Amino acid sequence: MINVGLCDDDDLVRRLLPESLRTDDIDVVVTCGSGEEALASEVDVDVWLVDLRMPGIDGRETAQRLIQANPAVKVMILTAFGDERVRETLACGATAYLHKDAAPGELREAIRSVHSGYTVLAPGMALSALERDDVELGLREIGADDLDRHIVTLMSAGQSYQDMAAEVGMSVSGVKKRASKLMRALRVGSRSQLVAKLNGLRP
C-alpha cells in the first residue's frame, strides 16, 4: 500500500481528489491545507502531492523541507500553470511535476512510478519549460543525430509511438528502436526518465 499525503490550499481539491486516487494499492492518509500543516503532520506518508502555489510556505519550500525531514519520502509537485520553470521546481528535491487537471488515472500511475523511484513530468511540459540548450548538450554527448533529436522532442510533447512514427515517416517499431537506443545510451528505463536525464534532472 502506498500512503499518500495531499497538500493543497484549495478546499475543493482536498475534498474531491482523495477519493479519485484511492485504489487497492493507494490510500490518501492525510490532507493538509498549507505547507505549514503538512510539515507539522506526523502521519506516515510515502508520497506527498504538493500544490506549487500556496500562501505562506509555497510548494517548493514545503517539498524541500518534507524531504529534509524524511529523505525516503517522495514529493510530487502539482500546478495549475504551464509556464513554471521545471528545473527550478524539481531542484527542491521533488521527483514529479504534473498539472492539477491530469486525469485521476494519470495521477495514480505517476504516484506508482514516483514511489518506484522514477521522475515523472507532465506530457507537453518538458521541452516548453526546460532549457533546450541542455537537451542539445545531452544529445551531443551521446552522438545523437537529427532524427534522434526530433524523436526526443516528440516524446517530450507526450506523443505516442504511433503519432511519432507518422510524424517522422518511420514504422512504429523503428521509432521504438530509436527510443530504446537513446534510453540504453543514457542508462534510463522510461520515456520520462530519458527526458529528465537529457535535461540534467535526476530520477
C-alpha atoms as a PDB file:
ATOM      1  CA  MET A   1       0.000   0.000   0.000  1.00  0.00           C
ATOM      2  CA  ILE A   2       1.293   3.463  -0.958  1.00  0.00           C
ATOM      3  CA  ASN A   3       0.365   6.044   1.678  1.00  0.00           C
ATOM      4  CA  VAL A   4      -0.278   9.411   0.039  1.00  0.00           C
ATOM      5  CA  GLY A   5      -0.476  12.868   1.580  1.00  0.00           C
ATOM      6  CA  LEU A   6      -2.185  15.777  -0.175  1.00  0.00           C
ATOM      7  CA  CYS A   7      -1.214  19.400   0.492  1.00  0.00           C
ATOM      8  CA  ASP A   8      -3.340  21.998  -1.321  1.00  0.00           C
ATOM      9  CA  ASP A   9      -4.927  25.246  -0.184  1.00  0.00           C
ATOM     10  CA  ASP A  10      -7.986  24.602  -2.390  1.00  0.00           C
ATOM     11  CA  ASP A  11     -10.731  23.055  -0.246  1.00  0.00           C
ATOM     12  CA  LEU A  12     -12.431  21.547  -3.311  1.00  0.00           C
ATOM     13  CA  VAL A  13      -9.256  19.724  -4.320  1.00  0.00           C
ATOM     14  CA  ARG A  14      -8.827  18.370  -0.804  1.00  0.00           C
ATOM     15  CA  ARG A  15     -12.405  17.094  -0.774  1.00  0.00           C
ATOM     16  CA  LEU A  16     -12.602  15.543  -4.246  1.00  0.00           C
ATOM     17  CA  LEU A  17      -9.115  14.375  -5.220  1.00  0.00           C
ATOM     18  CA  PRO A  18      -8.530  11.774  -2.461  1.00  0.00           C
ATOM     19  CA  GLU A  19     -11.491   9.596  -3.455  1.00  0.00           C
ATOM     20  CA  SER A  20     -10.432   9.587  -7.100  1.00  0.00           C
ATOM     21  CA  LEU A  21      -6.938   8.413  -6.140  1.00  0.00           C
ATOM     22  CA  ARG A  22      -7.810   5.597  -3.739  1.00  0.00           C
ATOM     23  CA  THR A  23      -7.359   2.091  -5.114  1.00  0.00           C
ATOM     24  CA  ASP A  24      -6.282  -1.297  -3.804  1.00  0.00           C
ATOM     25  CA  ASP A  25      -2.664  -0.110  -3.660  1.00  0.00           C
ATOM     26  CA  ILE A  26      -3.050   3.644  -2.987  1.00  0.00           C
ATOM     27  CA  ASP A  27      -4.561   5.325   0.058  1.00  0.00           C
ATOM     28  CA  VAL A  28      -4.733   9.047   0.835  1.00  0.00           C
ATOM     29  CA  VAL A  29      -3.960   9.072   4.543  1.00  0.00           C
ATOM     30  CA  VAL A  30      -3.775  12.817   5.234  1.00  0.00           C
ATOM     31  CA  THR A  31      -4.890  16.083   3.624  1.00  0.00           C
ATOM     32  CA  CYS A  32      -3.429  19.473   4.530  1.00  0.00           C
ATOM     33  CA  GLY A  33      -4.428  22.986   3.551  1.00  0.00           C
ATOM     34  CA  SER A  34      -0.993  24.571   3.836  1.00  0.00           C
ATOM     35  CA  GLY A  35       2.702  23.824   3.800  1.00  0.00           C
ATOM     36  CA  GLU A  36       2.868  24.547   7.498  1.00  0.00           C
ATOM     37  CA  GLU A  37       0.191  21.920   8.177  1.00  0.00           C
ATOM     38  CA  ALA A  38       1.958  19.313   6.041  1.00  0.00           C
ATOM     39  CA  LEU A  39       5.279  19.926   7.793  1.00  0.00           C
ATOM     40  CA  ALA A  40       3.589  19.523  11.173  1.00  0.00           C
ATOM     41  CA  SER A  41       1.866  16.260  10.185  1.00  0.00           C
ATOM     42  CA  GLU A  42       3.032  13.122  11.962  1.00  0.00           C
ATOM     43  CA  VAL A  43       1.191  10.725   9.625  1.00  0.00           C
ATOM     44  CA  ASP A  44       3.397   8.163   7.853  1.00  0.00           C
ATOM     45  CA  VAL A  45       3.416   9.217   4.177  1.00  0.00           C
ATOM     46  CA  ASP A  46       5.247   7.579   1.263  1.00  0.00           C
ATOM     47  CA  VAL A  47       4.322  10.097  -1.455  1.00  0.00           C
ATOM     48  CA  TRP A  48       3.231  13.702  -0.968  1.00  0.00           C
ATOM     49  CA  LEU A  49       1.211  15.609  -3.593  1.00  0.00           C
ATOM     50  CA  VAL A  50       2.013  19.275  -3.021  1.00  0.00           C
ATOM     51  CA  ASP A  51       0.435  22.296  -4.697  1.00  0.00           C
ATOM     52  CA  LEU A  52       3.102  24.584  -6.142  1.00  0.00           C
ATOM     53  CA  ARG A  53       1.463  27.924  -5.370  1.00  0.00           C
ATOM     54  CA  MET A  54       0.203  28.290  -1.820  1.00  0.00           C
ATOM     55  CA  PRO A  55       0.135  31.225   0.585  1.00  0.00           C
ATOM     56  CA  GLY A  56       2.701  31.084   3.341  1.00  0.00           C
ATOM     57  CA  ILE A  57       5.184  28.295   2.670  1.00  0.00           C
ATOM     58  CA  ASP A  58       4.930  27.554  -1.044  1.00  0.00           C
ATOM     59  CA  GLY A  59       5.178  24.145  -2.702  1.00  0.00           C
ATOM     60  CA  ARG A  60       8.898  24.309  -3.410  1.00  0.00           C
ATOM     61  CA  GLU A  61       9.872  25.046   0.171  1.00  0.00           C
ATOM     62  CA  THR A  62       7.321  22.579   1.517  1.00  0.00           C
ATOM     63  CA  ALA A  63       8.761  19.833  -0.695  1.00  0.00           C
ATOM     64  CA  GLN A  64      12.330  20.661   0.288  1.00  0.00           C
ATOM     65  CA  ARG A  65      11.542  20.628   4.000  1.00  0.00           C
ATOM     66  CA  LEU A  66       9.482  17.421   3.795  1.00  0.00           C
ATOM     67  CA  ILE A  67      12.420  15.677   2.120  1.00  0.00           C
ATOM     68  CA  GLN A  68      14.919  17.103   4.596  1.00  0.00           C
ATOM     69  CA  ALA A  69      12.794  15.746   7.432  1.00  0.00           C
ATOM     70  CA  ASN A  70      12.441  12.338   5.760  1.00  0.00           C
ATOM     71  CA  PRO A  71      14.822  11.604   2.836  1.00  0.00           C
ATOM     72  CA  ALA A  72      12.810   8.482   1.960  1.00  0.00           C
ATOM     73  CA  VAL A  73       9.640  10.426   1.176  1.00  0.00           C
ATOM     74  CA  LYS A  74       8.741  11.226  -2.441  1.00  0.00           C
ATOM     75  CA  VAL A  75       7.151  14.544  -3.425  1.00  0.00           C
ATOM     76  CA  MET A  76       5.025  15.252  -6.494  1.00  0.00           C
ATOM     77  CA  ILE A  77       4.506  18.915  -7.337  1.00  0.00           C
ATOM     78  CA  LEU A  78       1.081  19.844  -8.746  1.00  0.00           C
ATOM     79  CA  THR A  79       0.477  23.048 -10.683  1.00  0.00           C
ATOM     80  CA  ALA A  80      -2.427  24.768 -12.389  1.00  0.00           C
ATOM     81  CA  PHE A  81       0.011  26.684 -14.592  1.00  0.00           C
ATOM     82  CA  GLY A  82       2.088  25.574 -17.555  1.00  0.00           C
ATOM     83  CA  ASP A  83       4.787  28.232 -17.547  1.00  0.00           C
ATOM     84  CA  GLU A  84       6.708  27.345 -14.399  1.00  0.00           C
ATOM     85  CA  ARG A  85      10.418  26.547 -14.633  1.00  0.00           C
ATOM     86  CA  VAL A  86      10.631  22.793 -14.220  1.00  0.00           C
ATOM     87  CA  ARG A  87      14.327  22.670 -13.329  1.00  0.00           C
ATOM     88  CA  GLU A  88      13.943  25.227 -10.558  1.00  0.00           C
ATOM     89  CA  THR A  89      10.884  23.453  -9.231  1.00  0.00           C
ATOM     90  CA  LEU A  90      12.470  19.999  -9.152  1.00  0.00           C
ATOM     91  CA  ALA A  91      15.647  21.406  -7.613  1.00  0.00           C
ATOM     92  CA  CYS A  92      13.770  21.294  -4.305  1.00  0.00           C
ATOM     93  CA  GLY A  93      14.030  17.502  -4.449  1.00  0.00           C
ATOM     94  CA  ALA A  94      10.611  16.659  -5.873  1.00  0.00           C
ATOM     95  CA  THR A  95      10.507  13.842  -8.410  1.00  0.00           C
ATOM     96  CA  ALA A  96       7.334  14.694 -10.323  1.00  0.00           C
ATOM     97  CA  TYR A  97       5.794  17.800 -11.847  1.00  0.00           C
ATOM     98  CA  LEU A  98       2.212  17.442 -13.056  1.00  0.00           C
ATOM     99  CA  HIS A  99      -0.783  19.554 -13.997  1.00  0.00           C
ATOM    100  CA  LYS A 100      -3.620  19.633 -11.476  1.00  0.00           C
ATOM    101  CA  ASP A 101      -6.126  18.782 -14.192  1.00  0.00           C
ATOM    102  CA  ALA A 102      -4.397  15.480 -15.007  1.00  0.00           C
ATOM    103  CA  ALA A 103      -6.806  12.559 -15.158  1.00  0.00           C
ATOM    104  CA  PRO A 104      -7.050  10.513 -11.932  1.00  0.00           C
ATOM    105  CA  GLY A 105      -5.618   7.501 -13.741  1.00  0.00           C
ATOM    106  CA  GLU A 106      -2.601   9.540 -14.826  1.00  0.00           C
ATOM    107  CA  LEU A 107      -2.046  10.739 -11.270  1.00  0.00           C
ATOM    108  CA  ARG A 108      -2.318   7.206  -9.906  1.00  0.00           C
ATOM    109  CA  GLU A 109       0.231   5.915 -12.404  1.00  0.00           C
ATOM    110  CA  ALA A 110       2.523   8.836 -11.548  1.00  0.00           C
ATOM    111  CA  ILE A 111       2.229   8.023  -7.841  1.00  0.00           C
ATOM    112  CA  ARG A 112       3.226   4.428  -8.525  1.00  0.00           C
ATOM    113  CA  SER A 113       6.143   5.494 -10.734  1.00  0.00           C
ATOM    114  CA  VAL A 114       7.441   8.043  -8.240  1.00  0.00           C
ATOM    115  CA  HIS A 115       7.127   5.530  -5.421  1.00  0.00           C
ATOM    116  CA  SER A 116       9.266   3.151  -7.516  1.00  0.00           C
ATOM    117  CA  GLY A 117      11.970   5.793  -7.930  1.00  0.00           C
ATOM    118  CA  TYR A 118      11.191   7.374 -11.296  1.00  0.00           C
ATOM    119  CA  THR A 119      10.867  11.021 -12.287  1.00  0.00           C
ATOM    120  CA  VAL A 120       7.567  11.990 -13.925  1.00  0.00           C
ATOM    121  CA  LEU A 121       6.906  15.128 -15.970  1.00  0.00           C
ATOM    122  CA  ALA A 122       3.552  16.175 -17.394  1.00  0.00           C
ATOM    123  CA  PRO A 123       3.229  15.476 -21.143  1.00  0.00           C
ATOM    124  CA  GLY A 124       3.955  18.586 -23.179  1.00  0.00           C
ATOM    125  CA  MET A 125       5.674  20.328 -20.279  1.00  0.00           C
ATOM    126  CA  ALA A 126       9.268  19.200 -20.648  1.00  0.00           C
ATOM    127  CA  LEU A 127      10.625  20.978 -23.692  1.00  0.00           C
ATOM    128  CA  SER A 128       8.414  24.043 -23.302  1.00  0.00           C
ATOM    129  CA  ALA A 129       9.702  24.673 -19.795  1.00  0.00           C
ATOM    130  CA  LEU A 130      13.157  23.114 -19.673  1.00  0.00           C
ATOM    131  CA  GLU A 131      16.181  24.759 -21.254  1.00  0.00           C
ATOM    132  CA  ARG A 132      16.549  23.477 -24.835  1.00  0.00           C
ATOM    133  CA  ASP A 133      20.307  24.076 -24.795  1.00  0.00           C
ATOM    134  CA  ASP A 134      20.675  21.403 -22.125  1.00  0.00           C
ATOM    135  CA  VAL A 135      18.758  18.943 -24.276  1.00  0.00           C
ATOM    136  CA  GLU A 136      21.111  19.589 -27.175  1.00  0.00           C
ATOM    137  CA  LEU A 137      24.133  19.181 -24.927  1.00  0.00           C
ATOM    138  CA  GLY A 138      22.916  15.834 -23.675  1.00  0.00           C
ATOM    139  CA  LEU A 139      22.202  14.614 -27.186  1.00  0.00           C
ATOM    140  CA  ARG A 140      25.600  15.713 -28.464  1.00  0.00           C
ATOM    141  CA  GLU A 141      27.296  13.812 -25.677  1.00  0.00           C
ATOM    142  CA  ILE A 142      25.829  10.519 -26.926  1.00  0.00           C
ATOM    143  CA  GLY A 143      26.323  11.295 -30.616  1.00  0.00           C
ATOM    144  CA  ALA A 144      22.617  11.595 -31.397  1.00  0.00           C
ATOM    145  CA  ASP A 145      21.637  12.633 -34.922  1.00  0.00           C
ATOM    146  CA  ASP A 146      18.864  14.974 -36.107  1.00  0.00           C
ATOM    147  CA  LEU A 147      16.284  12.190 -36.150  1.00  0.00           C
ATOM    148  CA  ASP A 148      17.111  11.310 -32.542  1.00  0.00           C
ATOM    149  CA  ARG A 149      16.613  14.950 -31.595  1.00  0.00           C
ATOM    150  CA  HIS A 150      13.273  15.051 -33.367  1.00  0.00           C
ATOM    151  CA  ILE A 151      12.104  11.898 -31.611  1.00  0.00           C
ATOM    152  CA  VAL A 152      13.126  13.230 -28.205  1.00  0.00           C
ATOM    153  CA  THR A 153      11.212  16.445 -28.917  1.00  0.00           C
ATOM    154  CA  LEU A 154       8.109  14.447 -29.814  1.00  0.00           C
ATOM    155  CA  MET A 155       8.457  12.247 -26.736  1.00  0.00           C
ATOM    156  CA  SER A 156       8.774  15.366 -24.594  1.00  0.00           C
ATOM    157  CA  ALA A 157       5.500  16.607 -26.083  1.00  0.00           C
ATOM    158  CA  GLY A 158       3.788  13.426 -24.909  1.00  0.00           C
ATOM    159  CA  GLN A 159       3.187  11.929 -28.359  1.00  0.00           C
ATOM    160  CA  SER A 160       2.505   8.221 -28.716  1.00  0.00           C
ATOM    161  CA  TYR A 161       4.811   5.970 -30.710  1.00  0.00           C
ATOM    162  CA  GLN A 162       2.133   5.789 -33.422  1.00  0.00           C
ATOM    163  CA  ASP A 163       1.955   9.586 -33.705  1.00  0.00           C
ATOM    164  CA  MET A 164       5.741   9.888 -33.692  1.00  0.00           C
ATOM    165  CA  ALA A 165       6.056   7.292 -36.450  1.00  0.00           C
ATOM    166  CA  ALA A 166       3.643   9.240 -38.647  1.00  0.00           C
ATOM    167  CA  GLU A 167       5.485  12.482 -37.926  1.00  0.00           C
ATOM    168  CA  VAL A 168       8.958  11.229 -38.839  1.00  0.00           C
ATOM    169  CA  GLY A 169       7.923   8.834 -41.615  1.00  0.00           C
ATOM    170  CA  MET A 170       9.067   5.649 -39.914  1.00  0.00           C
ATOM    171  CA  SER A 171       7.426   2.463 -38.703  1.00  0.00           C
ATOM    172  CA  VAL A 172       6.316   2.255 -35.085  1.00  0.00           C
ATOM    173  CA  SER A 173       8.907  -0.456 -34.462  1.00  0.00           C
ATOM    174  CA  GLY A 174      11.600   1.780 -35.980  1.00  0.00           C
ATOM    175  CA  VAL A 175      10.718   4.656 -33.662  1.00  0.00           C
ATOM    176  CA  LYS A 176      10.700   2.303 -30.671  1.00  0.00           C
ATOM    177  CA  LYS A 177      14.159   1.040 -31.625  1.00  0.00           C
ATOM    178  CA  ARG A 178      15.465   4.625 -31.836  1.00  0.00           C
ATOM    179  CA  ALA A 179      13.944   5.459 -28.449  1.00  0.00           C
ATOM    180  CA  SER A 180      15.352   2.274 -26.912  1.00  0.00           C
ATOM    181  CA  LYS A 181      18.801   3.161 -28.259  1.00  0.00           C
ATOM    182  CA  LEU A 182      18.647   6.553 -26.559  1.00  0.00           C
ATOM    183  CA  MET A 183      17.439   5.010 -23.320  1.00  0.00           C
ATOM    184  CA  ARG A 184      20.222   2.405 -23.297  1.00  0.00           C
ATOM    185  CA  ALA A 185      22.890   5.002 -24.073  1.00  0.00           C
ATOM    186  CA  LEU A 186      21.720   7.202 -21.210  1.00  0.00           C
ATOM    187  CA  ARG A 187      21.001   4.259 -18.876  1.00  0.00           C
ATOM    188  CA  VAL A 188      17.344   5.086 -18.238  1.00  0.00           C
ATOM    189  CA  GLY A 189      14.300   2.853 -18.191  1.00  0.00           C
ATOM    190  CA  SER A 190      11.413   5.037 -19.324  1.00  0.00           C
ATOM    191  CA  ARG A 191      10.492   7.964 -21.567  1.00  0.00           C
ATOM    192  CA  SER A 192      10.061  10.314 -18.611  1.00  0.00           C
ATOM    193  CA  GLN A 193      13.489   9.329 -17.266  1.00  0.00           C
ATOM    194  CA  LEU A 194      15.019   9.919 -20.695  1.00  0.00           C
ATOM    195  CA  VAL A 195      13.661  13.461 -20.939  1.00  0.00           C
ATOM    196  CA  ALA A 196      14.640  14.165 -17.336  1.00  0.00           C
ATOM    197  CA  LYS A 197      18.208  12.964 -17.808  1.00  0.00           C
ATOM    198  CA  LEU A 198      18.688  14.885 -21.049  1.00  0.00           C
ATOM    199  CA  ASN A 199      17.809  17.996 -19.098  1.00  0.00           C
ATOM    200  CA  GLY A 200      20.160  17.374 -16.184  1.00  0.00           C
ATOM    201  CA  LEU A 201      17.417  16.153 -13.841  1.00  0.00           C
ATOM    202  CA  ARG A 202      17.918  13.068 -11.708  1.00  0.00           C
ATOM    203  CA  PRO A 203      15.135  10.444 -11.407  1.00  0.00           C
END
